[in-house]
Amino acid sequence: MRGEAELKYPGVLGEPAGPGHPGATRVPEGLRPGQLVVARNRKWNGKAHWVVPGRYLGEDRHGWWIFQGTNEFCSRPGAAFYTQSDAVLLIPREGQWVATFYDDAHPGGVRVYIDLAVAHEWQSIRPDVMEFHVIDMDLDVVRTSGRGVFIDDEDEFAQHRVAMDYPQELAGELEAAADQLLNAVKAQYAPFDGTDAEWFTKGRT
């Protein structure tokens, strides 16, 4: 398929480039609106992936919402760029995924991009700065203005399943979760029902 970089971040150049973190938790403590949140992804083999900064907005029954505005500097090994549209990141209270919602300015027409991911961890690294860590597991559920809703990077998942020795049970859970998320986005079940709109408004004020 087209791949994460080309879909989420059109025009980005470069090639893509373990263990948990002491003191990290699935539920963040002490988060306050306006705080810097740095989202750090890695792969199953520990290799660094995307680093995306944002500003904490608040929480609801779905999870924690982060505003990632236009012209934010993002990077991964071998690539760096400035974002070309606003986005809000939802970190769910449960489930093996994170979801990024984009506005109409996204140059590739992406509206929803769900990364199947495990090992959600929040960690305070200094006053008023939090890091969110997750292991990206390749599979993505995507909604674009032109193509609709689809599962992406199944080929990458199949390759890494062997090369990185994904546990068989986990791989099956991720495939099932991708199918469930695909149906949820298609049916516009919450939080894929426009819930993100209020968080975009909050992030821009």
C-alpha atoms as a PDB file:
ATOM      1  CA  MET A   1       0.000   0.000   0.000  1.00  0.00           C
ATOM      2  CA  ARG A   2       0.973   3.645  -0.048  1.00  0.00           C
ATOM      3  CA  GLY A   3       2.463   3.592   3.446  1.00  0.00           C
ATOM      4  CA  GLU A   4       2.169   5.742   6.545  1.00  0.00           C
ATOM      5  CA  ALA A   5       4.541   8.537   5.592  1.00  0.00           C
ATOM      6  CA  GLU A   6       2.980   9.205   2.202  1.00  0.00           C
ATOM      7  CA  LEU A   7      -0.570   9.124   3.538  1.00  0.00           C
ATOM      8  CA  LYS A   8      -0.195  11.099   6.756  1.00  0.00           C
ATOM      9  CA  TYR A   9       2.624  13.413   5.748  1.00  0.00           C
ATOM     10  CA  PRO A  10       2.624  14.039   1.970  1.00  0.00           C
ATOM     11  CA  GLY A  11       5.928  15.285   0.639  1.00  0.00           C
ATOM     12  CA  VAL A  12       8.072  13.987   3.503  1.00  0.00           C
ATOM     13  CA  LEU A  13      11.462  12.749   2.350  1.00  0.00           C
ATOM     14  CA  GLY A  14      13.631  10.067   3.849  1.00  0.00           C
ATOM     15  CA  GLU A  15      13.607   6.424   4.791  1.00  0.00           C
ATOM     16  CA  PRO A  16      12.076   5.045   7.947  1.00  0.00           C
ATOM     17  CA  ALA A  17      14.326   4.189  10.339  1.00  0.00           C
ATOM     18  CA  GLY A  18      11.475  -2.943  23.503  1.00  0.00           C
ATOM     19  CA  PRO A  19      11.350  -2.443  26.739  1.00  0.00           C
ATOM     20  CA  GLY A  20       9.065  -0.203  28.784  1.00  0.00           C
ATOM     21  CA  HIS A  21      10.043   2.985  30.573  1.00  0.00           C
ATOM     22  CA  PRO A  22      10.471   3.185  34.373  1.00  0.00           C
ATOM     23  CA  GLY A  23       7.623   5.096  35.985  1.00  0.00           C
ATOM     24  CA  ALA A  24       5.411   4.963  32.896  1.00  0.00           C
ATOM     25  CA  THR A  25       1.676   4.262  33.154  1.00  0.00           C
ATOM     26  CA  ARG A  26      -1.280   3.688  30.814  1.00  0.00           C
ATOM     27  CA  VAL A  27      -3.231   6.426  32.626  1.00  0.00           C
ATOM     28  CA  PRO A  28      -1.514   9.833  32.807  1.00  0.00           C
ATOM     29  CA  GLU A  29      -1.275  11.687  36.102  1.00  0.00           C
ATOM     30  CA  GLY A  30      -1.281  15.444  36.567  1.00  0.00           C
ATOM     31  CA  LEU A  31      -2.009  16.401  32.966  1.00  0.00           C
ATOM     32  CA  ARG A  32      -3.194  19.986  32.571  1.00  0.00           C
ATOM     33  CA  PRO A  33      -4.583  21.675  29.441  1.00  0.00           C
ATOM     34  CA  GLY A  34      -1.861  23.449  27.526  1.00  0.00           C
ATOM     35  CA  GLN A  35       0.934  21.102  28.541  1.00  0.00           C
ATOM     36  CA  LEU A  36       3.389  19.938  25.913  1.00  0.00           C
ATOM     37  CA  VAL A  37       2.906  16.269  25.036  1.00  0.00           C
ATOM     38  CA  VAL A  38       5.529  14.581  22.886  1.00  0.00           C
ATOM     39  CA  ALA A  39       4.220  11.438  21.191  1.00  0.00           C
ATOM     40  CA  ARG A  40       7.037   8.953  20.547  1.00  0.00           C
ATOM     41  CA  ASN A  41       6.516   5.797  18.515  1.00  0.00           C
ATOM     42  CA  ARG A  42       8.837   2.865  18.158  1.00  0.00           C
ATOM     43  CA  LYS A  43       8.671  -0.442  16.347  1.00  0.00           C
ATOM     44  CA  TRP A  44       8.439  -3.903  17.907  1.00  0.00           C
ATOM     45  CA  ASN A  45      12.213  -4.358  17.549  1.00  0.00           C
ATOM     46  CA  GLY A  46      12.850  -1.109  19.447  1.00  0.00           C
ATOM     47  CA  LYS A  47      13.692   0.964  16.397  1.00  0.00           C
ATOM     48  CA  ALA A  48      12.678   4.618  16.713  1.00  0.00           C
ATOM     49  CA  HIS A  49       9.713   5.790  14.647  1.00  0.00           C
ATOM     50  CA  TRP A  50       7.726   9.069  14.571  1.00  0.00           C
ATOM     51  CA  VAL A  51       8.132  11.838  17.155  1.00  0.00           C
ATOM     52  CA  VAL A  52       5.223  14.314  17.067  1.00  0.00           C
ATOM     53  CA  PRO A  53       4.781  17.202  19.536  1.00  0.00           C
ATOM     54  CA  GLY A  54       1.410  18.548  20.592  1.00  0.00           C
ATOM     55  CA  ARG A  55      -0.546  20.382  23.269  1.00  0.00           C
ATOM     56  CA  TYR A  56      -2.821  18.625  25.718  1.00  0.00           C
ATOM     57  CA  LEU A  57      -6.478  19.663  25.407  1.00  0.00           C
ATOM     58  CA  GLY A  58      -8.378  17.516  27.877  1.00  0.00           C
ATOM     59  CA  GLU A  59     -10.131  14.186  28.289  1.00  0.00           C
ATOM     60  CA  ASP A  60     -13.548  12.658  27.782  1.00  0.00           C
ATOM     61  CA  ARG A  61     -15.034   9.176  27.958  1.00  0.00           C
ATOM     62  CA  HIS A  62     -13.004   8.135  24.914  1.00  0.00           C
ATOM     63  CA  GLY A  63      -9.595   9.160  26.194  1.00  0.00           C
ATOM     64  CA  TRP A  64      -7.073  11.966  26.082  1.00  0.00           C
ATOM     65  CA  TRP A  65      -6.948  14.521  23.265  1.00  0.00           C
ATOM     66  CA  ILE A  66      -3.802  16.242  21.966  1.00  0.00           C
ATOM     67  CA  PHE A  67      -3.766  19.151  19.504  1.00  0.00           C
ATOM     68  CA  GLN A  68      -1.048  18.921  16.850  1.00  0.00           C
ATOM     69  CA  GLY A  69      -1.112  22.193  14.970  1.00  0.00           C
ATOM     70  CA  THR A  70       0.092  23.324  11.561  1.00  0.00           C
ATOM     71  CA  ASN A  71       3.831  23.954  11.198  1.00  0.00           C
ATOM     72  CA  GLU A  72       4.804  21.653  14.056  1.00  0.00           C
ATOM     73  CA  PHE A  73       8.205  20.028  13.564  1.00  0.00           C
ATOM     74  CA  CYS A  74       7.992  16.229  13.365  1.00  0.00           C
ATOM     75  CA  SER A  75      10.703  13.664  12.743  1.00  0.00           C
ATOM     76  CA  ARG A  76      11.748  10.051  12.542  1.00  0.00           C
ATOM     77  CA  PRO A  77      15.170   8.547  11.721  1.00  0.00           C
ATOM     78  CA  GLY A  78      16.012   9.731   8.223  1.00  0.00           C
ATOM     79  CA  ALA A  79      13.135  12.210   7.838  1.00  0.00           C
ATOM     80  CA  ALA A  80      11.889  15.528   9.188  1.00  0.00           C
ATOM     81  CA  PHE A  81       9.169  17.968   8.155  1.00  0.00           C
ATOM     82  CA  TYR A  82       6.742  20.675   9.259  1.00  0.00           C
ATOM     83  CA  THR A  83       3.069  19.692   9.369  1.00  0.00           C
ATOM     84  CA  GLN A  84       0.785  21.213   6.745  1.00  0.00           C
ATOM     85  CA  SER A  85      -2.540  20.944   8.575  1.00  0.00           C
ATOM     86  CA  ASP A  86      -4.043  20.835  12.050  1.00  0.00           C
ATOM     87  CA  ALA A  87      -4.681  17.478  13.697  1.00  0.00           C
ATOM     88  CA  VAL A  88      -5.966  16.083  16.975  1.00  0.00           C
ATOM     89  CA  LEU A  89      -4.626  12.864  18.436  1.00  0.00           C
ATOM     90  CA  LEU A  90      -6.883  10.630  20.518  1.00  0.00           C
ATOM     91  CA  ILE A  91      -5.150   8.319  22.957  1.00  0.00           C
ATOM     92  CA  PRO A  92      -7.877   5.865  24.022  1.00  0.00           C
ATOM     93  CA  ARG A  93      -8.493   4.633  27.551  1.00  0.00           C
ATOM     94  CA  GLU A  94      -8.361   1.064  26.294  1.00  0.00           C
ATOM     95  CA  GLY A  95      -7.655  -0.747  23.058  1.00  0.00           C
ATOM     96  CA  GLN A  96      -4.581  -1.390  20.934  1.00  0.00           C
ATOM     97  CA  TRP A  97      -4.659   1.753  18.795  1.00  0.00           C
ATOM     98  CA  VAL A  98      -4.311   5.528  18.628  1.00  0.00           C
ATOM     99  CA  ALA A  99      -6.238   7.765  16.226  1.00  0.00           C
ATOM    100  CA  THR A 100      -5.274  11.005  14.495  1.00  0.00           C
ATOM    101  CA  PHE A 101      -7.998  13.207  13.033  1.00  0.00           C
ATOM    102  CA  TYR A 102      -7.098  15.752  10.331  1.00  0.00           C
ATOM    103  CA  ASP A 103      -8.856  18.861   9.078  1.00  0.00           C
ATOM    104  CA  ASP A 104      -9.798  19.736   5.511  1.00  0.00           C
ATOM    105  CA  ALA A 105      -6.391  21.312   4.906  1.00  0.00           C
ATOM    106  CA  HIS A 106      -4.604  17.962   4.892  1.00  0.00           C
ATOM    107  CA  PRO A 107      -2.885  17.854   1.486  1.00  0.00           C
ATOM    108  CA  GLY A 108      -3.542  14.136   1.018  1.00  0.00           C
ATOM    109  CA  GLY A 109      -7.212  14.283   1.968  1.00  0.00           C
ATOM    110  CA  VAL A 110      -6.731  12.089   5.050  1.00  0.00           C
ATOM    111  CA  ARG A 111      -9.467  12.592   7.641  1.00  0.00           C
ATOM    112  CA  VAL A 112      -8.850   9.714  10.087  1.00  0.00           C
ATOM    113  CA  TYR A 113      -5.674   7.697  10.544  1.00  0.00           C
ATOM    114  CA  ILE A 114      -5.724   4.942  13.159  1.00  0.00           C
ATOM    115  CA  ASP A 115      -2.449   3.262  14.048  1.00  0.00           C
ATOM    116  CA  LEU A 116      -2.750  -0.209  15.541  1.00  0.00           C
ATOM    117  CA  ALA A 117      -0.396   0.051  18.484  1.00  0.00           C
ATOM    118  CA  VAL A 118       0.445  -1.575  21.812  1.00  0.00           C
ATOM    119  CA  ALA A 119       2.237  -0.757  25.069  1.00  0.00           C
ATOM    120  CA  HIS A 120       0.651   2.644  25.674  1.00  0.00           C
ATOM    121  CA  GLU A 121       2.760   4.511  28.234  1.00  0.00           C
ATOM    122  CA  TRP A 122       2.642   8.023  29.672  1.00  0.00           C
ATOM    123  CA  GLN A 123       5.689   9.438  31.402  1.00  0.00           C
ATOM    124  CA  SER A 124       6.454  12.853  32.898  1.00  0.00           C
ATOM    125  CA  ILE A 125       9.905  13.973  31.772  1.00  0.00           C
ATOM    126  CA  ARG A 126       9.978  17.458  33.318  1.00  0.00           C
ATOM    127  CA  PRO A 127       7.495  19.950  34.808  1.00  0.00           C
ATOM    128  CA  ASP A 128       4.721  20.662  32.275  1.00  0.00           C
ATOM    129  CA  VAL A 129       6.106  18.189  29.722  1.00  0.00           C
ATOM    130  CA  MET A 130       4.765  14.665  29.183  1.00  0.00           C
ATOM    131  CA  GLU A 131       5.821  11.939  26.797  1.00  0.00           C
ATOM    132  CA  PHE A 132       3.466   9.349  25.366  1.00  0.00           C
ATOM    133  CA  HIS A 133       5.129   6.179  24.111  1.00  0.00           C
ATOM    134  CA  VAL A 134       3.612   3.446  21.982  1.00  0.00           C
ATOM    135  CA  ILE A 135       4.768   0.559  19.801  1.00  0.00           C
ATOM    136  CA  ASP A 136       3.494   0.946  16.232  1.00  0.00           C
ATOM    137  CA  MET A 137       2.301  -2.404  14.876  1.00  0.00           C
ATOM    138  CA  ASP A 138       2.114  -1.479  11.176  1.00  0.00           C
ATOM    139  CA  LEU A 139      -1.599  -1.986  10.486  1.00  0.00           C
ATOM    140  CA  ASP A 140      -3.589   1.208   9.952  1.00  0.00           C
ATOM    141  CA  VAL A 141      -7.233   2.032   9.432  1.00  0.00           C
ATOM    142  CA  VAL A 142      -7.582   5.097   7.218  1.00  0.00           C
ATOM    143  CA  ARG A 143     -10.387   7.311   5.968  1.00  0.00           C
ATOM    144  CA  THR A 144      -9.631   9.690   3.127  1.00  0.00           C
ATOM    145  CA  SER A 145     -11.849  12.082   1.203  1.00  0.00           C
ATOM    146  CA  GLY A 146     -11.089  10.297  -2.066  1.00  0.00           C
ATOM    147  CA  ARG A 147     -10.830   6.630  -1.230  1.00  0.00           C
ATOM    148  CA  GLY A 148     -13.107   6.167   1.743  1.00  0.00           C
ATOM    149  CA  VAL A 149     -12.232   3.759   4.564  1.00  0.00           C
ATOM    150  CA  PHE A 150      -9.645   0.991   4.213  1.00  0.00           C
ATOM    151  CA  ILE A 151      -6.980  -1.003   6.049  1.00  0.00           C
ATOM    152  CA  ASP A 152      -3.454  -0.023   5.054  1.00  0.00           C
ATOM    153  CA  ASP A 153       0.029  -1.539   5.393  1.00  0.00           C
ATOM    154  CA  GLU A 154      -1.124  -5.144   5.556  1.00  0.00           C
ATOM    155  CA  ASP A 155       1.942  -6.045   3.501  1.00  0.00           C
ATOM    156  CA  GLU A 156       4.263  -4.367   6.008  1.00  0.00           C
ATOM    157  CA  PHE A 157       2.484  -6.154   8.856  1.00  0.00           C
ATOM    158  CA  ALA A 158       2.938  -9.515   7.124  1.00  0.00           C
ATOM    159  CA  GLN A 159       6.645  -8.847   6.600  1.00  0.00           C
ATOM    160  CA  HIS A 160       7.309  -7.623  10.132  1.00  0.00           C
ATOM    161  CA  ARG A 161       5.209 -10.427  11.611  1.00  0.00           C
ATOM    162  CA  VAL A 162       7.926 -12.780  10.408  1.00  0.00           C
ATOM    163  CA  ALA A 163      11.002 -10.553  10.524  1.00  0.00           C
ATOM    164  CA  MET A 164      10.295  -9.179  14.023  1.00  0.00           C
ATOM    165  CA  ASP A 165       8.687 -12.385  15.292  1.00  0.00           C
ATOM    166  CA  TYR A 166       5.362 -10.962  16.433  1.00  0.00           C
ATOM    167  CA  PRO A 167       3.651 -13.286  18.936  1.00  0.00           C
ATOM    168  CA  GLN A 168       0.986 -15.250  17.069  1.00  0.00           C
ATOM    169  CA  GLU A 169      -1.779 -14.426  19.564  1.00  0.00           C
ATOM    170  CA  LEU A 170      -0.982 -10.701  19.469  1.00  0.00           C
ATOM    171  CA  ALA A 171      -0.917 -10.665  15.668  1.00  0.00           C
ATOM    172  CA  GLY A 172      -4.366 -12.245  15.577  1.00  0.00           C
ATOM    173  CA  GLU A 173      -5.687  -9.707  18.097  1.00  0.00           C
ATOM    174  CA  LEU A 174      -4.364  -6.837  16.007  1.00  0.00           C
ATOM    175  CA  GLU A 175      -5.970  -8.141  12.821  1.00  0.00           C
ATOM    176  CA  ALA A 176      -9.295  -8.508  14.629  1.00  0.00           C
ATOM    177  CA  ALA A 177      -8.961  -5.027  16.112  1.00  0.00           C
ATOM    178  CA  ALA A 178      -8.262  -3.563  12.665  1.00  0.00           C
ATOM    179  CA  ASP A 179     -11.458  -5.143  11.302  1.00  0.00           C
ATOM    180  CA  GLN A 180     -13.475  -3.790  14.240  1.00  0.00           C
ATOM    181  CA  LEU A 181     -12.062  -0.303  13.793  1.00  0.00           C
ATOM    182  CA  LEU A 182     -12.719  -0.442  10.059  1.00  0.00           C
ATOM    183  CA  ASN A 183     -16.379  -1.146  10.759  1.00  0.00           C
ATOM    184  CA  ALA A 184     -16.543   1.524  13.466  1.00  0.00           C
ATOM    185  CA  VAL A 185     -15.174   4.214  11.157  1.00  0.00           C
ATOM    186  CA  LYS A 186     -17.461   3.157   8.310  1.00  0.00           C
ATOM    187  CA  ALA A 187     -20.499   3.228  10.607  1.00  0.00           C
ATOM    188  CA  GLN A 188     -19.331   6.479  12.231  1.00  0.00           C
ATOM    189  CA  TYR A 189     -19.504   5.075  15.732  1.00  0.00           C
ATOM    190  CA  ALA A 190     -18.131   7.329  18.455  1.00  0.00           C
ATOM    191  CA  PRO A 191     -15.493   8.672  18.574  1.00  0.00           C
ATOM    192  CA  PHE A 192     -15.506   8.545  14.755  1.00  0.00           C
ATOM    193  CA  ASP A 193     -18.812  10.412  14.556  1.00  0.00           C
ATOM    194  CA  GLY A 194     -17.508  13.968  14.502  1.00  0.00           C
ATOM    195  CA  THR A 195     -16.512  14.025  18.168  1.00  0.00           C
ATOM    196  CA  ASP A 196     -13.154  15.431  17.085  1.00  0.00           C
ATOM    197  CA  ALA A 197     -14.756  18.705  15.886  1.00  0.00           C
ATOM    198  CA  GLU A 198     -15.085  20.160  19.379  1.00  0.00           C
ATOM    199  CA  TRP A 199     -11.476  19.305  20.115  1.00  0.00           C
ATOM    200  CA  PHE A 200     -10.309  21.053  16.954  1.00  0.00           C
ATOM    201  CA  THR A 201     -12.231  24.132  18.098  1.00  0.00           C
ATOM    202  CA  LYS A 202     -10.668  23.940  21.546  1.00  0.00           C
ATOM    203  CA  GLY A 203      -7.191  23.510  20.099  1.00  0.00           C
ATOM    204  CA  ARG A 204      -7.508  26.597  17.932  1.00  0.00           C
ATOM    205  CA  THR A 205      -8.650  28.898  20.737  1.00  0.00           C
END
